[in-house]
N, C-alpha and C. Protein backbone atom coordinates (compact mmCIF):
# COMPACT_ATOMS: atom_id res chain seq x y z
N MET A 1 -33.62 -2.62 -19.50
CA MET A 1 -34.53 -1.89 -18.15
C MET A 1 -36.06 -2.66 -18.35
N ARG A 2 -36.31 -2.91 -17.04
CA ARG A 2 -37.78 -3.36 -17.20
C ARG A 2 -38.91 -1.99 -16.61
N VAL A 3 -39.57 -1.91 -18.22
CA VAL A 3 -40.14 -0.42 -17.80
C VAL A 3 -41.61 -0.55 -16.89
N ASN A 4 -41.50 -2.02 -16.53
CA ASN A 4 -42.83 -1.99 -15.57
C ASN A 4 -42.23 -1.40 -14.06
N ARG A 5 -41.12 -0.60 -13.97
CA ARG A 5 -40.70 0.61 -12.98
C ARG A 5 -41.42 1.14 -13.45
N PHE A 6 -42.35 1.73 -13.94
CA PHE A 6 -42.78 2.69 -14.45
C PHE A 6 -44.20 3.14 -14.92
N PRO A 7 -44.83 2.21 -13.60
CA PRO A 7 -46.62 2.02 -14.35
C PRO A 7 -47.29 3.51 -14.53
N ASN A 8 -46.85 4.78 -14.39
CA ASN A 8 -47.73 5.50 -15.06
C ASN A 8 -47.44 6.40 -15.98
N LEU A 9 -46.00 5.63 -16.89
CA LEU A 9 -45.60 5.95 -18.00
C LEU A 9 -46.62 5.41 -19.29
N GLN A 10 -47.58 5.62 -20.46
CA GLN A 10 -48.37 4.89 -21.04
C GLN A 10 -47.46 5.44 -22.42
N THR A 11 -46.87 6.17 -22.51
CA THR A 11 -46.66 6.31 -24.21
C THR A 11 -44.80 5.52 -24.52
N GLY A 12 -44.35 5.29 -25.48
CA GLY A 12 -43.04 5.43 -25.98
C GLY A 12 -42.37 6.09 -25.30
N VAL A 13 -42.57 7.88 -25.80
CA VAL A 13 -41.84 8.79 -25.98
C VAL A 13 -41.44 8.71 -24.23
N ARG A 14 -42.63 8.53 -23.13
CA ARG A 14 -42.11 8.85 -21.82
C ARG A 14 -41.54 7.78 -21.79
N ILE A 15 -41.23 6.62 -22.05
CA ILE A 15 -40.69 5.81 -21.43
C ILE A 15 -39.03 6.18 -21.58
N ARG A 16 -38.90 6.04 -22.99
CA ARG A 16 -37.48 6.53 -23.31
C ARG A 16 -37.08 7.48 -22.18
N GLY A 17 -37.38 8.19 -22.43
CA GLY A 17 -37.32 9.91 -21.07
C GLY A 17 -37.14 9.09 -19.94
N ALA A 18 -38.20 8.35 -19.37
CA ALA A 18 -37.49 7.96 -18.06
C ALA A 18 -36.38 7.02 -17.82
N THR A 19 -36.23 6.69 -19.47
CA THR A 19 -34.95 5.29 -19.05
C THR A 19 -33.68 6.35 -19.32
N THR A 20 -33.77 7.15 -20.64
CA THR A 20 -32.24 8.06 -20.13
C THR A 20 -32.15 9.28 -19.00
N LEU A 21 -32.97 9.09 -18.16
CA LEU A 21 -32.98 9.88 -17.09
C LEU A 21 -32.21 8.84 -15.35
N ARG A 22 -32.77 7.63 -15.79
CA ARG A 22 -32.37 6.73 -14.95
C ARG A 22 -30.49 6.05 -15.98
N ILE A 23 -30.51 6.15 -17.02
CA ILE A 23 -29.16 5.88 -16.61
C ILE A 23 -28.55 7.00 -17.16
N SER A 24 -28.77 8.21 -16.60
CA SER A 24 -28.28 9.86 -16.39
C SER A 24 -27.41 9.60 -15.07
N ALA A 25 -29.33 9.04 -13.81
CA ALA A 25 -28.88 8.86 -12.57
C ALA A 25 -28.24 7.85 -12.22
N VAL A 26 -27.68 6.86 -12.26
CA VAL A 26 -26.73 6.45 -12.69
C VAL A 26 -24.86 6.24 -12.65
N LEU A 27 -25.09 7.04 -13.74
CA LEU A 27 -23.54 7.96 -14.45
C LEU A 27 -23.06 8.49 -13.81
N GLY A 28 -24.50 9.48 -12.82
CA GLY A 28 -24.17 10.29 -11.65
C GLY A 28 -23.50 10.12 -10.76
N ILE A 29 -24.39 8.81 -10.11
CA ILE A 29 -23.90 8.07 -9.30
C ILE A 29 -22.68 7.90 -8.59
N GLN A 30 -22.04 6.86 -10.30
CA GLN A 30 -21.04 6.31 -10.71
C GLN A 30 -19.24 7.55 -10.11
N LEU A 31 -20.02 8.24 -11.38
CA LEU A 31 -18.76 9.78 -11.56
C LEU A 31 -18.24 10.20 -9.54
N SER A 32 -19.88 10.50 -9.13
CA SER A 32 -19.50 10.86 -7.39
C SER A 32 -18.87 9.87 -6.54
N ILE A 33 -18.63 8.49 -6.88
CA ILE A 33 -17.98 7.56 -6.23
C ILE A 33 -16.98 7.89 -6.72
N PHE A 34 -16.27 7.38 -7.92
CA PHE A 34 -15.04 7.71 -8.25
C PHE A 34 -14.54 9.02 -7.68
N LEU A 35 -15.20 10.72 -7.69
CA LEU A 35 -14.40 11.52 -6.98
C LEU A 35 -14.29 11.39 -6.04
N LEU A 36 -15.27 10.78 -5.10
CA LEU A 36 -14.97 10.74 -3.20
C LEU A 36 -14.18 10.05 -2.62
N SER A 37 -13.93 9.09 -4.06
CA SER A 37 -12.59 7.70 -4.07
C SER A 37 -11.16 8.67 -3.80
N ALA A 38 -11.03 9.32 -5.12
CA ALA A 38 -10.03 10.14 -5.83
C ALA A 38 -9.23 11.30 -4.41
N CYS A 39 -10.80 11.70 -4.03
CA CYS A 39 -10.66 12.73 -2.90
C CYS A 39 -9.88 11.99 -1.41
N GLN A 40 -10.55 11.01 -1.04
CA GLN A 40 -10.22 10.42 -0.22
C GLN A 40 -8.98 10.00 0.32
N SER A 41 -8.53 9.84 -0.95
CA SER A 41 -7.35 9.29 -0.90
C SER A 41 -5.60 10.06 -0.70
N THR A 42 -6.18 11.22 -0.86
CA THR A 42 -4.96 12.45 -1.21
C THR A 42 -5.55 13.53 -0.15
N VAL A 43 -4.51 14.08 -0.27
CA VAL A 43 -4.71 15.09 0.22
C VAL A 43 -3.54 16.49 -0.47
N GLY A 44 -4.31 17.30 -1.43
CA GLY A 44 -3.36 18.55 -1.98
C GLY A 44 -2.66 17.31 -3.41
N THR A 45 -2.11 18.03 -4.31
CA THR A 45 -2.09 17.53 -5.59
C THR A 45 -0.40 17.87 -5.82
N GLU A 46 0.21 18.14 -4.94
CA GLU A 46 1.88 17.88 -5.02
C GLU A 46 2.45 16.34 -4.47
N LYS A 47 3.25 16.67 -5.72
CA LYS A 47 3.45 15.15 -5.91
C LYS A 47 4.86 14.57 -5.06
N ALA A 48 4.70 13.41 -4.43
CA ALA A 48 5.61 13.15 -3.32
C ALA A 48 6.87 12.20 -3.87
N ALA A 49 8.03 12.96 -3.32
CA ALA A 49 9.28 12.40 -4.08
C ALA A 49 9.57 11.04 -3.32
N PRO A 50 10.36 10.06 -4.44
CA PRO A 50 10.53 8.91 -4.33
C PRO A 50 10.15 8.36 -2.44
N ALA A 51 10.71 9.09 -2.38
CA ALA A 51 11.31 9.04 -0.42
C ALA A 51 12.04 10.10 0.13
N THR A 52 11.28 10.06 1.41
CA THR A 52 11.25 11.47 1.50
C THR A 52 11.80 11.33 3.36
N ALA A 53 12.28 12.47 3.87
CA ALA A 53 13.77 11.45 5.16
C ALA A 53 11.99 12.04 5.90
N VAL A 54 12.46 10.80 6.85
CA VAL A 54 11.41 11.25 8.27
C VAL A 54 11.96 11.27 9.33
N SER A 55 11.97 12.91 9.94
CA SER A 55 12.87 13.69 11.29
C SER A 55 12.27 12.74 12.51
N ASP A 56 12.59 13.16 13.95
CA ASP A 56 12.06 13.15 15.42
C ASP A 56 11.77 11.58 15.18
N HIS A 57 12.58 10.85 14.68
CA HIS A 57 12.99 9.55 15.81
C HIS A 57 14.23 9.04 15.72
N PRO A 58 14.41 8.24 16.61
CA PRO A 58 15.54 7.88 17.11
C PRO A 58 16.33 7.47 16.15
N SER A 59 17.71 7.28 16.45
CA SER A 59 18.64 7.27 15.02
C SER A 59 19.30 5.21 15.31
N LEU A 60 19.11 4.85 13.98
CA LEU A 60 19.09 3.55 14.59
C LEU A 60 20.51 2.74 14.18
N ASP A 61 20.83 2.59 15.34
CA ASP A 61 22.59 2.49 16.04
C ASP A 61 22.59 0.76 15.76
N SER A 62 23.72 0.33 15.83
CA SER A 62 23.90 -1.14 16.15
C SER A 62 23.37 -1.76 17.19
N GLY A 63 23.21 -1.07 18.25
CA GLY A 63 22.77 -1.63 19.42
C GLY A 63 21.62 -2.10 19.14
N THR A 64 20.28 -1.65 19.12
CA THR A 64 19.40 -1.11 18.09
C THR A 64 18.85 -2.57 17.81
N VAL A 65 19.67 -2.60 16.53
CA VAL A 65 19.01 -3.72 15.78
C VAL A 65 19.84 -4.80 16.51
N ALA A 66 20.67 -4.57 17.11
CA ALA A 66 21.12 -6.19 17.26
C ALA A 66 20.59 -6.75 18.73
N ALA A 67 19.57 -5.68 19.49
CA ALA A 67 18.62 -6.10 20.66
C ALA A 67 17.11 -6.46 19.76
N ALA A 68 16.97 -5.87 18.36
CA ALA A 68 15.78 -6.80 17.31
C ALA A 68 16.05 -7.77 17.20
N ARG A 69 17.19 -8.13 16.77
CA ARG A 69 17.66 -9.71 16.68
C ARG A 69 17.37 -10.48 17.49
N ALA A 70 17.59 -10.09 18.64
CA ALA A 70 18.17 -10.73 19.94
C ALA A 70 16.33 -11.12 19.98
N ALA A 71 15.72 -10.29 20.14
CA ALA A 71 14.56 -10.55 20.42
C ALA A 71 13.48 -10.99 19.52
N SER A 72 14.00 -11.26 18.49
CA SER A 72 13.05 -11.54 17.17
C SER A 72 12.91 -13.51 17.35
N LEU A 73 11.19 -13.26 17.21
CA LEU A 73 11.04 -14.67 17.19
C LEU A 73 11.18 -15.40 15.76
N THR A 74 11.97 -14.74 14.98
CA THR A 74 11.84 -15.88 13.86
C THR A 74 13.51 -14.82 13.12
N PRO A 75 14.13 -15.52 13.73
CA PRO A 75 15.77 -15.13 12.96
C PRO A 75 16.17 -15.21 11.63
N ASN A 76 16.35 -14.29 11.15
CA ASN A 76 17.10 -14.61 10.13
C ASN A 76 18.51 -13.83 9.53
N ASP A 77 19.25 -14.63 8.93
CA ASP A 77 20.58 -14.17 8.28
C ASP A 77 20.72 -13.26 7.90
N ARG A 78 19.51 -12.77 6.95
CA ARG A 78 20.16 -11.11 6.31
C ARG A 78 19.02 -10.25 6.55
N THR A 79 17.55 -10.47 7.26
CA THR A 79 16.65 -9.26 7.35
C THR A 79 16.13 -9.99 8.57
N LEU A 80 15.70 -8.71 9.51
CA LEU A 80 14.73 -8.39 9.67
C LEU A 80 13.45 -7.55 9.93
N VAL A 81 12.41 -8.19 9.59
CA VAL A 81 11.01 -6.91 9.52
C VAL A 81 10.19 -7.03 10.44
N VAL A 82 10.29 -5.38 11.39
CA VAL A 82 9.12 -5.46 12.23
C VAL A 82 7.76 -4.75 11.88
N PHE A 83 6.45 -4.41 13.02
CA PHE A 83 5.92 -3.59 12.64
C PHE A 83 5.35 -3.26 14.03
N THR A 84 5.88 -1.80 14.29
CA THR A 84 5.53 -0.95 15.30
C THR A 84 3.59 -0.65 15.65
N HIS A 85 3.12 -0.85 16.27
CA HIS A 85 1.99 -1.01 16.51
C HIS A 85 1.17 -1.10 14.38
N PRO A 86 0.92 -1.77 14.59
CA PRO A 86 -0.02 -2.39 13.05
C PRO A 86 -1.18 -1.78 13.50
N GLU A 87 -2.19 -2.03 14.53
CA GLU A 87 -3.29 -1.52 14.63
C GLU A 87 -3.54 0.38 14.49
N THR A 88 -2.33 0.83 14.52
CA THR A 88 -2.84 2.27 14.24
C THR A 88 -2.19 2.68 12.64
N PHE A 89 -2.05 1.56 11.96
CA PHE A 89 -1.84 2.27 10.76
C PHE A 89 -2.29 2.15 10.02
N LEU A 90 -2.06 3.05 8.98
CA LEU A 90 -3.50 4.15 8.26
C LEU A 90 -4.45 3.04 7.49
N ASP A 91 -3.65 2.31 6.87
CA ASP A 91 -5.12 1.09 5.96
C ASP A 91 -3.99 0.45 5.47
N ILE A 92 -4.38 -1.19 6.42
CA ILE A 92 -3.82 -2.07 5.92
C ILE A 92 -4.81 -2.99 5.84
N ARG A 93 -6.16 -2.56 5.05
CA ARG A 93 -7.32 -3.71 5.59
C ARG A 93 -7.12 -4.87 4.34
N ASP A 94 -7.95 -5.98 4.97
CA ASP A 94 -7.71 -7.04 3.60
C ASP A 94 -9.13 -6.92 3.24
N ARG A 95 -9.89 -6.19 3.30
CA ARG A 95 -11.22 -5.89 3.08
C ARG A 95 -12.12 -5.10 3.57
N TYR A 96 -13.08 -4.05 2.97
CA TYR A 96 -13.74 -3.22 3.57
C TYR A 96 -14.20 -3.28 4.90
N ALA A 97 -14.52 -4.42 5.44
CA ALA A 97 -14.55 -5.21 6.88
C ALA A 97 -13.80 -6.00 7.13
N PRO A 98 -13.00 -5.33 7.63
CA PRO A 98 -11.46 -6.01 8.05
C PRO A 98 -11.16 -6.98 8.59
N SER A 99 -10.64 -8.11 8.86
CA SER A 99 -10.34 -8.97 9.61
C SER A 99 -9.06 -9.66 10.15
N ASN A 100 -8.81 -9.56 11.35
CA ASN A 100 -7.34 -9.28 12.25
C ASN A 100 -6.32 -10.39 11.30
N GLU A 101 -6.78 -11.81 10.69
CA GLU A 101 -6.35 -12.72 10.37
C GLU A 101 -5.62 -12.23 8.87
N GLY A 102 -6.82 -11.35 8.18
CA GLY A 102 -6.55 -11.36 7.36
C GLY A 102 -5.33 -9.96 6.96
N GLU A 103 -5.30 -8.94 7.84
CA GLU A 103 -4.31 -8.05 8.11
C GLU A 103 -3.05 -8.48 8.15
N SER A 104 -3.43 -9.64 9.07
CA SER A 104 -1.96 -10.18 9.62
C SER A 104 -1.30 -10.73 8.56
N LYS A 105 -1.94 -11.77 7.91
CA LYS A 105 -1.44 -12.27 6.41
C LYS A 105 -0.58 -11.23 5.36
N ILE A 106 -1.33 -10.03 5.47
CA ILE A 106 -0.81 -9.11 4.62
C ILE A 106 0.47 -8.66 5.03
N LEU A 107 0.74 -8.40 5.94
CA LEU A 107 1.50 -7.90 6.93
C LEU A 107 2.64 -8.89 6.97
N SER A 108 2.38 -10.14 7.06
CA SER A 108 3.36 -11.05 6.69
C SER A 108 3.70 -11.36 5.85
N ASP A 109 2.95 -11.41 4.55
CA ASP A 109 3.49 -11.30 3.11
C ASP A 109 4.11 -10.34 2.41
N LEU A 110 4.55 -9.08 3.13
CA LEU A 110 5.29 -7.57 2.98
C LEU A 110 6.58 -8.68 4.06
N ARG A 111 6.55 -8.95 4.93
CA ARG A 111 8.07 -9.22 5.43
C ARG A 111 7.92 -10.56 4.69
N ASP A 112 7.57 -11.31 3.76
CA ASP A 112 8.20 -12.31 3.22
C ASP A 112 8.91 -12.04 2.37
N TYR A 113 8.42 -11.01 1.34
CA TYR A 113 8.71 -10.23 0.28
C TYR A 113 10.13 -9.55 0.66
N ILE A 114 10.07 -8.70 1.69
CA ILE A 114 11.26 -8.39 1.71
C ILE A 114 12.21 -9.24 2.28
N ALA A 115 12.02 -10.37 2.62
CA ALA A 115 13.28 -11.40 2.72
C ALA A 115 13.94 -11.73 2.15
N LEU A 116 12.94 -12.00 0.74
CA LEU A 116 12.88 -12.89 0.10
C LEU A 116 13.72 -11.89 -1.27
N ARG A 117 13.64 -10.76 -1.03
CA ARG A 117 14.39 -9.90 -2.41
C ARG A 117 15.38 -8.98 -1.92
N ALA A 118 15.49 -8.68 -0.74
CA ALA A 118 16.49 -7.48 0.28
C ALA A 118 18.11 -8.94 -0.09
N PRO A 119 18.05 -9.85 0.11
CA PRO A 119 19.33 -10.14 -0.46
C PRO A 119 20.17 -10.09 -1.68
N LEU A 120 19.14 -9.87 -2.84
CA LEU A 120 19.55 -9.73 -4.25
C LEU A 120 20.11 -8.32 -4.25
N TYR A 121 20.18 -7.50 -3.16
CA TYR A 121 20.22 -5.68 -3.32
C TYR A 121 21.88 -5.92 -2.43
N LEU A 122 21.86 -6.77 -1.20
CA LEU A 122 22.52 -6.53 -0.05
C LEU A 122 23.99 -6.96 -1.17
N HIS A 123 24.71 -6.06 0.25
CA HIS A 123 26.26 -6.32 -0.48
C HIS A 123 26.63 -8.02 0.70
N LYS A 124 27.39 -8.65 -0.03
CA LYS A 124 27.70 -9.91 0.95
C LYS A 124 28.05 -10.06 2.51
N GLY A 125 26.75 -10.56 2.91
CA GLY A 125 27.19 -10.69 4.58
C GLY A 125 26.49 -9.80 5.68
N ASP A 126 26.06 -8.62 4.68
CA ASP A 126 25.26 -7.61 5.11
C ASP A 126 23.84 -7.97 5.76
N PHE A 127 23.37 -7.00 6.55
CA PHE A 127 21.72 -7.63 7.32
C PHE A 127 20.88 -6.00 7.19
N LEU A 128 20.00 -6.50 6.96
CA LEU A 128 18.98 -5.42 6.68
C LEU A 128 18.23 -5.38 8.40
N TYR A 129 17.61 -4.74 9.24
CA TYR A 129 16.38 -4.11 9.31
C TYR A 129 15.71 -3.20 9.13
N VAL A 130 14.54 -3.52 9.38
CA VAL A 130 13.33 -2.65 8.54
C VAL A 130 12.48 -2.52 9.43
N ASN A 131 11.52 -1.46 10.32
CA ASN A 131 11.26 -1.23 11.55
C ASN A 131 9.68 -0.19 10.66
N PHE A 132 8.93 -0.83 10.33
CA PHE A 132 7.46 -0.04 9.67
C PHE A 132 7.08 0.73 10.88
N ILE A 133 6.84 1.77 10.38
CA ILE A 133 5.65 2.63 11.72
C ILE A 133 4.28 3.15 11.33
N ASN A 134 4.10 2.49 9.91
CA ASN A 134 2.86 3.33 9.37
C ASN A 134 2.79 2.74 7.51
N ILE A 135 1.74 2.11 7.51
CA ILE A 135 1.10 1.61 5.94
C ILE A 135 -0.20 1.88 5.95
N LYS A 136 -0.16 2.35 4.65
CA LYS A 136 -1.08 2.81 3.56
C LYS A 136 -1.37 1.81 2.34
N LEU A 137 -2.39 0.81 1.99
CA LEU A 137 -1.91 0.25 0.73
C LEU A 137 -2.44 1.21 -0.18
N ALA A 138 -2.56 0.40 -1.14
CA ALA A 138 -2.89 1.00 -2.80
C ALA A 138 -4.06 0.97 -2.69
N GLY A 139 -4.82 2.23 -3.15
CA GLY A 139 -5.87 2.16 -3.99
C GLY A 139 -7.25 2.30 -2.50
N VAL A 140 -8.86 2.63 -2.56
CA VAL A 140 -9.34 2.65 -1.71
C VAL A 140 -10.64 1.38 -2.22
N TYR A 141 -11.35 1.08 -1.12
CA TYR A 141 -12.88 0.40 -1.59
C TYR A 141 -13.66 1.47 -1.69
N PRO A 142 -14.59 0.59 -2.70
CA PRO A 142 -16.22 1.65 -2.87
C PRO A 142 -16.90 2.55 -2.23
N VAL A 143 -17.52 3.08 -2.25
CA VAL A 143 -17.85 3.97 -0.88
C VAL A 143 -20.01 3.86 -1.21
N GLY A 144 -20.04 3.41 -0.76
CA GLY A 144 -21.87 3.10 -0.85
C GLY A 144 -21.89 1.52 -1.48
N SER A 145 -23.12 1.48 -1.96
CA SER A 145 -23.14 0.12 -2.56
C SER A 145 -22.90 -0.41 -3.70
N ILE A 146 -22.67 0.30 -4.07
CA ILE A 146 -22.07 0.14 -5.67
C ILE A 146 -20.63 -0.61 -5.92
N GLY A 147 -20.25 -1.41 -6.51
CA GLY A 147 -19.32 -2.30 -6.50
C GLY A 147 -18.82 -3.31 -5.37
N ASN A 148 -17.96 -3.30 -5.87
CA ASN A 148 -17.24 -4.79 -5.18
C ASN A 148 -16.46 -4.19 -3.48
N LEU A 149 -16.81 -4.59 -2.57
CA LEU A 149 -16.98 -3.99 -1.06
C LEU A 149 -15.51 -5.11 -0.77
N ASP A 150 -14.37 -5.50 -1.41
CA ASP A 150 -13.85 -6.45 -0.71
C ASP A 150 -12.76 -6.30 -1.51
N ARG A 151 -12.85 -5.48 -2.80
CA ARG A 151 -11.29 -5.48 -3.95
C ARG A 151 -11.05 -3.85 -4.26
N ARG A 152 -10.33 -3.24 -3.69
CA ARG A 152 -10.06 -2.11 -3.66
C ARG A 152 -10.07 -1.33 -5.37
N THR A 153 -10.41 -0.55 -5.44
CA THR A 153 -10.00 0.42 -7.04
C THR A 153 -9.10 1.20 -6.56
N ILE A 154 -7.98 0.77 -7.70
CA ILE A 154 -6.57 1.26 -7.62
C ILE A 154 -6.50 2.74 -8.75
N LEU A 155 -6.38 3.76 -8.27
CA LEU A 155 -6.37 5.04 -9.37
C LEU A 155 -4.73 5.65 -9.27
N ASP A 156 -4.66 6.69 -9.64
CA ASP A 156 -3.22 6.86 -9.95
C ASP A 156 -2.94 8.11 -8.71
N THR A 157 -4.40 8.67 -8.06
CA THR A 157 -3.99 8.84 -6.95
C THR A 157 -4.15 8.51 -5.60
N THR A 158 -4.10 6.99 -5.76
CA THR A 158 -4.08 6.48 -4.71
C THR A 158 -2.89 5.47 -4.59
N PRO A 159 -1.75 5.82 -4.33
CA PRO A 159 -0.62 5.12 -4.40
C PRO A 159 -0.05 4.40 -2.71
N PRO A 160 0.30 3.12 -2.61
CA PRO A 160 0.56 2.94 -1.30
C PRO A 160 1.68 3.74 -0.44
N MET A 161 1.77 3.79 1.06
CA MET A 161 2.45 4.53 1.51
C MET A 161 3.24 3.40 2.20
N PHE A 162 4.65 3.75 3.01
CA PHE A 162 5.25 3.08 3.55
C PHE A 162 6.24 4.17 4.60
N MET A 163 5.88 4.45 5.68
CA MET A 163 7.02 4.76 6.60
C MET A 163 7.31 4.13 7.16
N PHE A 164 8.89 4.09 7.13
CA PHE A 164 9.40 2.96 7.95
C PHE A 164 11.45 3.71 8.24
N GLY A 165 12.00 2.99 9.74
CA GLY A 165 13.35 3.17 9.85
C GLY A 165 13.78 2.34 8.89
N TRP A 166 15.32 1.67 8.57
CA TRP A 166 16.20 0.80 8.07
C TRP A 166 18.00 0.86 8.19
N ALA A 167 18.35 0.07 8.72
CA ALA A 167 19.67 0.04 9.24
C ALA A 167 20.42 -1.18 8.30
N VAL A 168 21.45 -1.07 7.63
CA VAL A 168 22.11 -1.62 6.98
C VAL A 168 23.15 -1.90 8.07
N VAL A 169 23.47 -3.70 8.77
CA VAL A 169 24.80 -3.61 9.28
C VAL A 169 25.98 -4.47 8.37
N ASP A 170 26.89 -4.37 8.13
CA ASP A 170 27.79 -5.27 7.90
C ASP A 170 28.41 -6.44 8.81
N PRO A 171 29.26 -7.49 8.36
CA PRO A 171 29.38 -8.55 8.71
C PRO A 171 29.90 -8.40 10.12
N SER A 172 30.56 -7.04 10.44
CA SER A 172 31.44 -7.05 11.51
C SER A 172 30.08 -6.00 12.78
N GLY A 173 29.29 -5.93 12.71
CA GLY A 173 28.58 -5.34 13.13
C GLY A 173 27.99 -3.40 12.93
N LYS A 174 28.83 -3.10 12.43
CA LYS A 174 29.44 -1.78 12.19
C LYS A 174 28.17 -1.65 11.02
N VAL A 175 27.20 -0.33 11.55
CA VAL A 175 25.95 0.45 10.65
C VAL A 175 26.39 0.72 9.67
N VAL A 176 25.91 0.61 7.95
CA VAL A 176 26.54 0.96 7.27
C VAL A 176 25.83 2.51 6.59
N GLY A 177 24.59 2.18 6.60
CA GLY A 177 23.59 2.51 6.31
C GLY A 177 22.35 3.06 6.96
N ASN A 178 21.88 3.91 7.02
CA ASN A 178 20.34 3.85 8.09
C ASN A 178 19.39 4.93 7.56
N ALA A 179 18.21 5.29 7.91
CA ALA A 179 17.43 6.72 8.06
C ALA A 179 16.19 5.92 8.42
N TRP A 180 15.06 7.09 8.42
CA TRP A 180 13.79 6.73 8.78
C TRP A 180 13.39 7.59 7.35
N GLU A 181 12.69 7.03 6.38
CA GLU A 181 11.75 7.66 5.08
C GLU A 181 10.03 7.07 5.10
N LYS A 182 10.00 8.27 4.35
CA LYS A 182 8.21 7.75 3.56
C LYS A 182 8.57 7.87 2.30
N LEU A 183 7.78 6.56 1.77
CA LEU A 183 7.69 5.98 0.51
C LEU A 183 6.14 6.37 0.30
N GLU A 184 5.86 7.19 -0.88
CA GLU A 184 4.97 7.66 -1.47
C GLU A 184 5.02 7.63 -2.84
N PRO A 185 5.17 7.30 -3.90
CA PRO A 185 5.58 7.32 -5.40
C PRO A 185 4.47 7.25 -6.00
N ASN A 186 4.19 8.66 -6.71
CA ASN A 186 3.02 9.08 -7.94
C ASN A 186 3.20 7.91 -8.90
N ASP A 187 4.41 7.53 -9.46
CA ASP A 187 4.61 6.17 -10.40
C ASP A 187 4.80 5.11 -10.27
N PHE A 188 3.54 4.62 -8.90
CA PHE A 188 3.91 3.12 -8.63
C PHE A 188 3.28 2.48 -9.71
N LYS A 189 2.16 2.96 -10.28
CA LYS A 189 1.74 1.74 -11.58
C LYS A 189 2.45 1.60 -12.85
N ASP A 190 3.60 2.37 -12.66
CA ASP A 190 4.67 1.77 -13.72
C ASP A 190 5.94 1.00 -13.03
N LEU A 191 5.61 0.43 -11.88
CA LEU A 191 7.10 -0.30 -11.10
C LEU A 191 6.05 -1.55 -11.20
N TYR A 192 5.18 -2.04 -10.81
CA TYR A 192 4.60 -3.29 -10.63
C TYR A 192 5.07 -4.14 -11.23
N ARG A 193 5.76 -3.97 -12.59
CA ARG A 193 5.59 -5.22 -13.44
C ARG A 193 6.71 -5.67 -13.12
N SER A 194 7.72 -5.54 -11.91
CA SER A 194 8.60 -6.18 -11.31
C SER A 194 7.88 -7.38 -10.56
N ALA A 195 7.07 -7.67 -9.85
CA ALA A 195 5.76 -7.62 -9.01
C ALA A 195 4.91 -9.15 -9.94
N ASP A 196 4.34 -10.13 -9.49
CA ASP A 196 3.27 -10.53 -10.01
C ASP A 196 2.11 -9.90 -10.57
N PRO A 197 1.69 -10.04 -11.36
CA PRO A 197 0.25 -8.97 -11.89
C PRO A 197 -0.70 -9.68 -11.13
N GLY A 198 -0.66 -11.19 -10.64
CA GLY A 198 -1.97 -11.91 -10.22
C GLY A 198 -1.88 -11.27 -8.92
N ASP A 199 -0.89 -10.71 -8.25
CA ASP A 199 -0.87 -10.20 -6.79
C ASP A 199 -1.52 -9.82 -5.69
N LEU A 200 -2.06 -9.52 -5.66
CA LEU A 200 -3.15 -8.51 -4.67
C LEU A 200 -2.37 -7.48 -4.00
N LEU A 201 -0.97 -8.08 -3.71
CA LEU A 201 -0.27 -6.84 -3.01
C LEU A 201 1.12 -6.21 -3.81
N ARG A 202 0.65 -6.54 -5.47
CA ARG A 202 1.79 -6.47 -6.24
C ARG A 202 2.60 -4.57 -6.67
N TYR A 203 1.15 -3.62 -6.39
CA TYR A 203 2.18 -2.50 -5.96
C TYR A 203 2.96 -2.20 -5.22
N GLU A 204 2.41 -2.73 -3.68
CA GLU A 204 3.05 -2.19 -2.66
C GLU A 204 4.64 -2.86 -2.54
N LYS A 205 4.99 -4.14 -3.10
CA LYS A 205 5.54 -5.13 -3.27
C LYS A 205 7.21 -4.39 -4.61
N ALA A 206 5.83 -3.88 -5.68
CA ALA A 206 6.71 -2.61 -6.96
C ALA A 206 7.30 -2.06 -5.95
N VAL A 207 6.48 -1.28 -4.90
CA VAL A 207 7.28 0.39 -4.19
C VAL A 207 8.76 -0.42 -3.67
N LEU A 208 7.76 -1.52 -2.85
CA LEU A 208 9.26 -2.08 -1.43
C LEU A 208 10.40 -2.17 -2.61
N ASP A 209 10.42 -3.25 -3.31
CA ASP A 209 11.60 -3.35 -4.58
C ASP A 209 11.76 -2.26 -5.05
N ASP A 210 11.80 -1.71 -5.37
CA ASP A 210 12.11 -0.54 -6.26
C ASP A 210 12.96 0.44 -5.42
N TRP A 211 12.34 0.48 -3.85
CA TRP A 211 13.36 1.31 -2.78
C TRP A 211 14.55 0.45 -2.55
N MET A 212 14.29 -0.89 -2.44
CA MET A 212 15.90 -2.01 -2.03
C MET A 212 16.58 -1.52 -3.28
N ARG A 213 16.32 -1.83 -4.52
CA ARG A 213 17.12 -1.92 -5.80
C ARG A 213 18.27 -0.99 -6.05
N ASN A 214 17.23 1.06 -5.22
CA ASN A 214 17.90 1.76 -5.29
C ASN A 214 18.90 2.05 -4.19
N LYS A 215 18.22 1.58 -2.91
CA LYS A 215 19.19 2.10 -2.11
C LYS A 215 20.31 0.86 -1.61
N LEU A 216 19.78 0.00 -1.75
CA LEU A 216 20.88 -1.30 -0.49
C LEU A 216 22.16 -1.53 -1.68
N SER A 217 21.69 -1.36 -3.30
CA SER A 217 22.66 -1.92 -3.99
C SER A 217 23.65 -0.57 -4.25
N THR A 218 23.35 0.31 -3.34
CA THR A 218 24.63 2.14 -3.47
C THR A 218 25.79 1.66 -2.84
């Protein structure tokens, strides 16, 4: 540390004392940022279930799925993923000061991932429809001027959250499974091994993959 920041201190004892105080202050600021990030990321301490049913949404019947497939600009034989009013999603920021292009790419990456993985778990000929109505990516951005404002800090208390409706349709067009659910698993850090460790969306993809594996293969 540069001691000329303290011109009024003349003795080694005073310099060491000021250095100690400054280090303590920095540590205090960092601790405050950590605690504030944790507080912003969660409400309460109750652990969420891996998948929680969400009520007050219309049932996803075969007619709804058929209409969505007919209106899709990116037809796919096995999956259709839509994002309803993404501008209202809780947190899909690509950086502290988000860009529309970055947020759109995040949603596109999640859509492509589901399209890639879902057929591994679907029964032969089945089709998956997913309608996301809210998303919060894992982690929080640093508060204040300390830290990388363009990289999320991932804490145990900042799991990703997905709220969505889904339906599986068999080859005859019959809905064989559907629900509205919310995913916000506290064990999300234990699931990321199923995704690329260098992927910035590895936690989100791991949670979705775990859900598909457990829900679609039954």
